[in-house]
């Protein structure tokens, strides 16, 4: 019985360490966008075909390749 409790305790400790490392690494690598970067990104909206990302237009419309809106 002690062996099973020890294994469960080690697994729980490993899971806690894993979750902690994931949160630490994801928090340090995330980039917060400044207001100026956000405004520049959304200044001129571009419309892109979901199936053909090389098709970019300034106005909404149909894709010339597949006809999707």
PDB file of N, CA and C in Angstrom:
ATOM      1  N   UNK A   1       0.822  -1.185   0.000  1.00  0.00           N
ATOM      2  CA  UNK A   1       0.000   0.000   0.000  1.00  0.00           C
ATOM      3  C   UNK A   1       0.866   1.249   0.000  1.00  0.00           C
ATOM      4  N   UNK A   2       1.974   1.209   0.754  1.00  0.00           N
ATOM      5  CA  UNK A   2       2.860   2.368   0.796  1.00  0.00           C
ATOM      6  C   UNK A   2       3.470   2.633  -0.570  1.00  0.00           C
ATOM      7  N   UNK A   3       3.729   1.555  -1.313  1.00  0.00           N
ATOM      8  CA  UNK A   3       4.335   1.699  -2.635  1.00  0.00           C
ATOM      9  C   UNK A   3       3.375   2.419  -3.586  1.00  0.00           C
ATOM     10  N   UNK A   4       2.097   2.084  -3.535  1.00  0.00           N
ATOM     11  CA  UNK A   4       1.095   2.714  -4.400  1.00  0.00           C
ATOM     12  C   UNK A   4       0.949   4.192  -4.047  1.00  0.00           C
ATOM     13  N   UNK A   5       0.907   4.502  -2.760  1.00  0.00           N
ATOM     14  CA  UNK A   5       0.800   5.897  -2.322  1.00  0.00           C
ATOM     15  C   UNK A   5       2.031   6.680  -2.757  1.00  0.00           C
ATOM     16  N   UNK A   6       3.197   6.080  -2.667  1.00  0.00           N
ATOM     17  CA  UNK A   6       4.427   6.752  -3.100  1.00  0.00           C
ATOM     18  C   UNK A   6       4.395   7.034  -4.597  1.00  0.00           C
ATOM     19  N   UNK A   7       3.933   6.083  -5.380  1.00  0.00           N
ATOM     20  CA  UNK A   7       3.860   6.270  -6.834  1.00  0.00           C
ATOM     21  C   UNK A   7       2.861   7.376  -7.175  1.00  0.00           C
ATOM     22  N   UNK A   8       1.707   7.369  -6.532  1.00  0.00           N
ATOM     23  CA  UNK A   8       0.698   8.405  -6.781  1.00  0.00           C
ATOM     24  C   UNK A   8       1.235   9.775  -6.384  1.00  0.00           C
ATOM     25  N   UNK A   9       1.926   9.852  -5.270  1.00  0.00           N
ATOM     26  CA  UNK A   9       2.502  11.115  -4.812  1.00  0.00           C
ATOM     27  C   UNK A   9       3.555  11.627  -5.792  1.00  0.00           C
ATOM     28  N   UNK A  10       4.394  10.750  -6.297  1.00  0.00           N
ATOM     29  CA  UNK A  10       5.421  11.144  -7.268  1.00  0.00           C
ATOM     30  C   UNK A  10       4.773  11.610  -8.571  1.00  0.00           C
ATOM     31  N   UNK A  11       3.734  10.919  -9.029  1.00  0.00           N
ATOM     32  CA  UNK A  11       3.036  11.332 -10.247  1.00  0.00           C
ATOM     33  C   UNK A  11       2.367  12.695 -10.084  1.00  0.00           C
ATOM     34  N   UNK A  12       1.740  12.929  -8.943  1.00  0.00           N
ATOM     35  CA  UNK A  12       1.111  14.231  -8.688  1.00  0.00           C
ATOM     36  C   UNK A  12       2.151  15.337  -8.621  1.00  0.00           C
ATOM     37  N   UNK A  13       3.268  15.065  -7.988  1.00  0.00           N
ATOM     38  CA  UNK A  13       4.345  16.049  -7.908  1.00  0.00           C
ATOM     39  C   UNK A  13       4.897  16.351  -9.295  1.00  0.00           C
ATOM     40  N   UNK A  14       5.063  15.328 -10.112  1.00  0.00           N
ATOM     41  CA  UNK A  14       5.527  15.530 -11.483  1.00  0.00           C
ATOM     42  C   UNK A  14       4.545  16.352 -12.299  1.00  0.00           C
ATOM     43  N   UNK A  15       3.250  16.101 -12.113  1.00  0.00           N
ATOM     44  CA  UNK A  15       2.232  16.875 -12.824  1.00  0.00           C
ATOM     45  C   UNK A  15       2.267  18.336 -12.393  1.00  0.00           C
ATOM     46  N   UNK A  16       2.419  18.583 -11.104  1.00  0.00           N
ATOM     47  CA  UNK A  16       2.509  19.958 -10.613  1.00  0.00           C
ATOM     48  C   UNK A  16       3.729  20.676 -11.177  1.00  0.00           C
ATOM     49  N   UNK A  17       4.858  20.002 -11.205  1.00  0.00           N
ATOM     50  CA  UNK A  17       6.070  20.603 -11.765  1.00  0.00           C
ATOM     51  C   UNK A  17       5.875  20.879 -13.253  1.00  0.00           C
ATOM     52  N   UNK A  18       5.256  19.959 -13.966  1.00  0.00           N
ATOM     53  CA  UNK A  18       5.004  20.152 -15.394  1.00  0.00           C
ATOM     54  C   UNK A  18       4.102  21.343 -15.672  1.00  0.00           C
ATOM     55  N   UNK A  19       3.021  21.469 -14.918  1.00  0.00           N
ATOM     56  CA  UNK A  19       2.107  22.600 -15.099  1.00  0.00           C
ATOM     57  C   UNK A  19       2.808  23.906 -14.747  1.00  0.00           C
ATOM     58  N   UNK A  20       3.576  23.895 -13.685  1.00  0.00           N
ATOM     59  CA  UNK A  20       4.309  25.102 -13.300  1.00  0.00           C
ATOM     60  C   UNK A  20       5.313  25.532 -14.354  1.00  0.00           C
ATOM     61  N   UNK A  21       6.046  24.585 -14.914  1.00  0.00           N
ATOM     62  CA  UNK A  21       7.016  24.914 -15.969  1.00  0.00           C
ATOM     63  C   UNK A  21       6.311  25.429 -17.219  1.00  0.00           C
ATOM     64  N   UNK A  22       5.171  24.839 -17.562  1.00  0.00           N
ATOM     65  CA  UNK A  22       4.422  25.287 -18.734  1.00  0.00           C
ATOM     66  C   UNK A  22       3.962  26.730 -18.561  1.00  0.00           C
ATOM     67  N   UNK A  23       3.428  27.049 -17.407  1.00  0.00           N
ATOM     68  CA  UNK A  23       2.971  28.422 -17.160  1.00  0.00           C
ATOM     69  C   UNK A  23       4.141  29.396 -17.118  1.00  0.00           C
ATOM     70  N   UNK A  24       5.247  28.994 -16.546  1.00  0.00           N
ATOM     71  CA  UNK A  24       6.422  29.862 -16.479  1.00  0.00           C
ATOM     72  C   UNK A  24       6.970  30.132 -17.873  1.00  0.00           C
ATOM     73  N   UNK A  25       7.089  29.100 -18.690  1.00  0.00           N
ATOM     74  CA  UNK A  25       7.653  29.275 -20.027  1.00  0.00           C
ATOM     75  C   UNK A  25       6.710  30.031 -20.949  1.00  0.00           C
ATOM     76  N   UNK A  26       5.414  29.805 -20.833  1.00  0.00           N
ATOM     77  CA  UNK A  26       4.478  30.516 -21.706  1.00  0.00           C
ATOM     78  C   UNK A  26       4.349  31.976 -21.294  1.00  0.00           C
ATOM     79  N   UNK A  27       4.489  32.293 -20.021  1.00  0.00           N
ATOM     80  CA  UNK A  27       4.396  33.683 -19.574  1.00  0.00           C
ATOM     81  C   UNK A  27       5.625  34.478 -19.983  1.00  0.00           C
ATOM     82  N   UNK A  28       6.783  33.858 -19.970  1.00  0.00           N
ATOM     83  CA  UNK A  28       8.000  34.593 -20.306  1.00  0.00           C
ATOM     84  C   UNK A  28       8.157  34.783 -21.803  1.00  0.00           C
ATOM     85  N   UNK A  29       7.516  33.949 -22.630  1.00  0.00           N
ATOM     86  CA  UNK A  29       7.683  34.066 -24.073  1.00  0.00           C
ATOM     87  C   UNK A  29       6.564  34.855 -24.733  1.00  0.00           C
ATOM     88  N   UNK A  30       5.518  35.217 -23.987  1.00  0.00           N
ATOM     89  CA  UNK A  30       4.409  35.945 -24.601  1.00  0.00           C
ATOM     90  C   UNK A  30       4.789  37.404 -24.796  1.00  0.00           C
ATOM     91  N   UNK A  31       4.310  37.962 -25.893  1.00  0.00           N
ATOM     92  CA  UNK A  31       4.590  39.344 -26.233  1.00  0.00           C
ATOM     93  C   UNK A  31       3.295  40.123 -26.117  1.00  0.00           C
ATOM     94  N   UNK A  32       3.282  41.143 -25.274  1.00  0.00           N
ATOM     95  CA  UNK A  32       2.092  41.970 -25.169  1.00  0.00           C
ATOM     96  C   UNK A  32       2.162  43.054 -26.223  1.00  0.00           C
ATOM     97  N   UNK A  33       1.082  43.229 -26.919  1.00  0.00           N
ATOM     98  CA  UNK A  33       1.020  44.170 -28.026  1.00  0.00           C
ATOM     99  C   UNK A  33       0.748  45.574 -27.488  1.00  0.00           C
ATOM    100  N   UNK A  34       1.522  46.551 -27.943  1.00  0.00           N
ATOM    101  CA  UNK A  34       1.288  47.927 -27.530  1.00  0.00           C
ATOM    102  C   UNK A  34       0.098  48.484 -28.296  1.00  0.00           C
ATOM    103  N   UNK A  35      -0.427  49.602 -27.828  1.00  0.00           N
ATOM    104  CA  UNK A  35      -1.576  50.221 -28.494  1.00  0.00           C
ATOM    105  C   UNK A  35      -1.220  50.658 -29.908  1.00  0.00           C
ATOM    106  N   UNK A  36      -0.004  51.156 -30.109  1.00  0.00           N
ATOM    107  CA  UNK A  36       0.418  51.589 -31.438  1.00  0.00           C
ATOM    108  C   UNK A  36       0.522  50.401 -32.395  1.00  0.00           C
ATOM    109  N   UNK A  37       1.083  49.290 -31.945  1.00  0.00           N
ATOM    110  CA  UNK A  37       1.169  48.094 -32.787  1.00  0.00           C
ATOM    111  C   UNK A  37      -0.222  47.586 -33.150  1.00  0.00           C
ATOM    112  N   UNK A  38      -1.124  47.617 -32.187  1.00  0.00           N
ATOM    113  CA  UNK A  38      -2.491  47.166 -32.440  1.00  0.00           C
ATOM    114  C   UNK A  38      -3.176  48.068 -33.468  1.00  0.00           C
ATOM    115  N   UNK A  39      -3.014  49.373 -33.335  1.00  0.00           N
ATOM    116  CA  UNK A  39      -3.637  50.312 -34.275  1.00  0.00           C
ATOM    117  C   UNK A  39      -3.072  50.145 -35.677  1.00  0.00           C
ATOM    118  N   UNK A  40      -1.772  49.962 -35.790  1.00  0.00           N
ATOM    119  CA  UNK A  40      -1.164  49.784 -37.111  1.00  0.00           C
ATOM    120  C   UNK A  40      -1.633  48.493 -37.771  1.00  0.00           C
ATOM    121  N   UNK A  41      -1.801  47.458 -36.983  1.00  0.00           N
ATOM    122  CA  UNK A  41      -2.223  46.174 -37.527  1.00  0.00           C
ATOM    123  C   UNK A  41      -3.650  46.252 -38.070  1.00  0.00           C
ATOM    124  N   UNK A  42      -4.503  47.036 -37.416  1.00  0.00           N
ATOM    125  CA  UNK A  42      -5.909  47.110 -37.802  1.00  0.00           C
ATOM    126  C   UNK A  42      -6.250  48.372 -38.592  1.00  0.00           C
ATOM    127  N   UNK A  43      -5.248  49.119 -39.004  1.00  0.00           N
ATOM    128  CA  UNK A  43      -5.486  50.366 -39.723  1.00  0.00           C
ATOM    129  C   UNK A  43      -6.103  50.107 -41.094  1.00  0.00           C
ATOM    130  N   UNK A  44      -5.495  49.289 -41.900  1.00  0.00           N
ATOM    131  CA  UNK A  44      -5.998  48.939 -43.222  1.00  0.00           C
ATOM    132  C   UNK A  44      -6.356  47.459 -43.220  1.00  0.00           C
ATOM    133  N   UNK A  45      -7.646  47.154 -43.056  1.00  0.00           N
ATOM    134  CA  UNK A  45      -7.997  45.731 -43.039  1.00  0.00           C
ATOM    135  C   UNK A  45      -7.819  45.105 -44.413  1.00  0.00           C
ATOM    136  N   UNK A  46      -7.266  43.933 -44.434  1.00  0.00           N
ATOM    137  CA  UNK A  46      -7.108  43.165 -45.661  1.00  0.00           C
ATOM    138  C   UNK A  46      -8.016  41.950 -45.579  1.00  0.00           C
ATOM    139  N   UNK A  47      -8.570  41.580 -46.704  1.00  0.00           N
ATOM    140  CA  UNK A  47      -9.439  40.417 -46.785  1.00  0.00           C
ATOM    141  C   UNK A  47      -8.673  39.302 -47.484  1.00  0.00           C
ATOM    142  N   UNK A  48      -8.617  38.145 -46.841  1.00  0.00           N
ATOM    143  CA  UNK A  48      -7.844  37.017 -47.340  1.00  0.00           C
ATOM    144  C   UNK A  48      -8.783  35.831 -47.517  1.00  0.00           C
ATOM    145  N   UNK A  49      -8.628  35.124 -48.630  1.00  0.00           N
ATOM    146  CA  UNK A  49      -9.416  33.915 -48.866  1.00  0.00           C
ATOM    147  C   UNK A  49      -8.983  32.852 -47.855  1.00  0.00           C
ATOM    148  N   UNK A  50      -9.935  32.196 -47.168  1.00  0.00           N
ATOM    149  CA  UNK A  50      -9.555  31.183 -46.191  1.00  0.00           C
ATOM    150  C   UNK A  50      -8.881  29.959 -46.805  1.00  0.00           C
ATOM    151  N   UNK A  51      -9.117  29.707 -48.084  1.00  0.00           N
ATOM    152  CA  UNK A  51      -8.517  28.547 -48.741  1.00  0.00           C
ATOM    153  C   UNK A  51      -7.238  28.897 -49.492  1.00  0.00           C
ATOM    154  N   UNK A  52      -7.096  30.152 -49.901  1.00  0.00           N
ATOM    155  CA  UNK A  52      -5.935  30.589 -50.687  1.00  0.00           C
ATOM    156  C   UNK A  52      -5.365  31.852 -50.045  1.00  0.00           C
ATOM    157  N   UNK A  53      -4.455  31.681 -49.112  1.00  0.00           N
ATOM    158  CA  UNK A  53      -3.939  32.817 -48.347  1.00  0.00           C
ATOM    159  C   UNK A  53      -3.129  33.792 -49.187  1.00  0.00           C
ATOM    160  N   UNK A  54      -2.759  33.421 -50.402  1.00  0.00           N
ATOM    161  CA  UNK A  54      -2.015  34.345 -51.262  1.00  0.00           C
ATOM    162  C   UNK A  54      -2.939  35.372 -51.918  1.00  0.00           C
ATOM    163  N   UNK A  55      -4.256  35.149 -51.866  1.00  0.00           N
ATOM    164  CA  UNK A  55      -5.231  36.081 -52.426  1.00  0.00           C
ATOM    165  C   UNK A  55      -5.609  37.082 -51.340  1.00  0.00           C
ATOM    166  N   UNK A  56      -5.146  38.328 -51.488  1.00  0.00           N
ATOM    167  CA  UNK A  56      -5.406  39.391 -50.526  1.00  0.00           C
ATOM    168  C   UNK A  56      -6.070  40.536 -51.268  1.00  0.00           C
ATOM    169  N   UNK A  57      -7.156  41.073 -50.701  1.00  0.00           N
ATOM    170  CA  UNK A  57      -7.872  42.177 -51.332  1.00  0.00           C
ATOM    171  C   UNK A  57      -8.148  43.264 -50.304  1.00  0.00           C
ATOM    172  N   UNK A  58      -8.320  44.487 -50.781  1.00  0.00           N
ATOM    173  CA  UNK A  58      -8.615  45.609 -49.898  1.00  0.00           C
ATOM    174  C   UNK A  58     -10.101  45.670 -49.556  1.00  0.00           C
ATOM    175  N   UNK A  59     -10.950  45.067 -50.387  1.00  0.00           N
ATOM    176  CA  UNK A  59     -12.389  45.091 -50.162  1.00  0.00           C
ATOM    177  C   UNK A  59     -12.926  43.661 -50.111  1.00  0.00           C
ATOM    178  N   UNK A  60     -14.031  43.458 -49.404  1.00  0.00           N
ATOM    179  CA  UNK A  60     -14.591  42.109 -49.371  1.00  0.00           C
ATOM    180  C   UNK A  60     -15.131  41.711 -50.740  1.00  0.00           C
ATOM    181  N   UNK A  61     -15.087  40.436 -51.019  1.00  0.00           N
ATOM    182  CA  UNK A  61     -15.577  39.925 -52.292  1.00  0.00           C
ATOM    183  C   UNK A  61     -15.280  38.443 -52.405  1.00  0.00           C
ATOM    184  N   UNK A  62     -15.477  37.913 -53.586  1.00  0.00           N
ATOM    185  CA  UNK A  62     -15.250  36.490 -53.827  1.00  0.00           C
ATOM    186  C   UNK A  62     -13.813  36.234 -54.259  1.00  0.00           C
ATOM    187  N   UNK A  63     -13.301  35.078 -53.891  1.00  0.00           N
ATOM    188  CA  UNK A  63     -11.962  34.654 -54.306  1.00  0.00           C
ATOM    189  C   UNK A  63     -12.004  34.335 -55.800  1.00  0.00           C
ATOM    190  N   UNK A  64     -11.038  34.831 -56.579  1.00  0.00           N
ATOM    191  CA  UNK A  64     -11.040  34.538 -58.009  1.00  0.00           C
ATOM    192  C   UNK A  64     -10.731  33.075 -58.328  1.00  0.00           C
ATOM    193  N   UNK A  65     -10.165  32.338 -57.390  1.00  0.00           N
ATOM    194  CA  UNK A  65      -9.815  30.940 -57.642  1.00  0.00           C
ATOM    195  C   UNK A  65     -10.985  30.013 -57.319  1.00  0.00           C
ATOM    196  N   UNK A  66     -11.519  30.135 -56.096  1.00  0.00           N
ATOM    197  CA  UNK A  66     -12.547  29.186 -55.667  1.00  0.00           C
ATOM    198  C   UNK A  66     -13.937  29.798 -55.542  1.00  0.00           C
ATOM    199  N   UNK A  67     -14.040  31.114 -55.549  1.00  0.00           N
ATOM    200  CA  UNK A  67     -15.334  31.777 -55.468  1.00  0.00           C
ATOM    201  C   UNK A  67     -15.888  31.932 -54.066  1.00  0.00           C
ATOM    202  N   UNK A  68     -15.112  31.576 -53.039  1.00  0.00           N
ATOM    203  CA  UNK A  68     -15.589  31.732 -51.662  1.00  0.00           C
ATOM    204  C   UNK A  68     -15.614  33.203 -51.284  1.00  0.00           C
ATOM    205  N   UNK A  69     -16.544  33.567 -50.382  1.00  0.00           N
ATOM    206  CA  UNK A  69     -16.613  34.950 -49.894  1.00  0.00           C
ATOM    207  C   UNK A  69     -15.612  35.170 -48.800  1.00  0.00           C
TER     208      UNK A  69
END
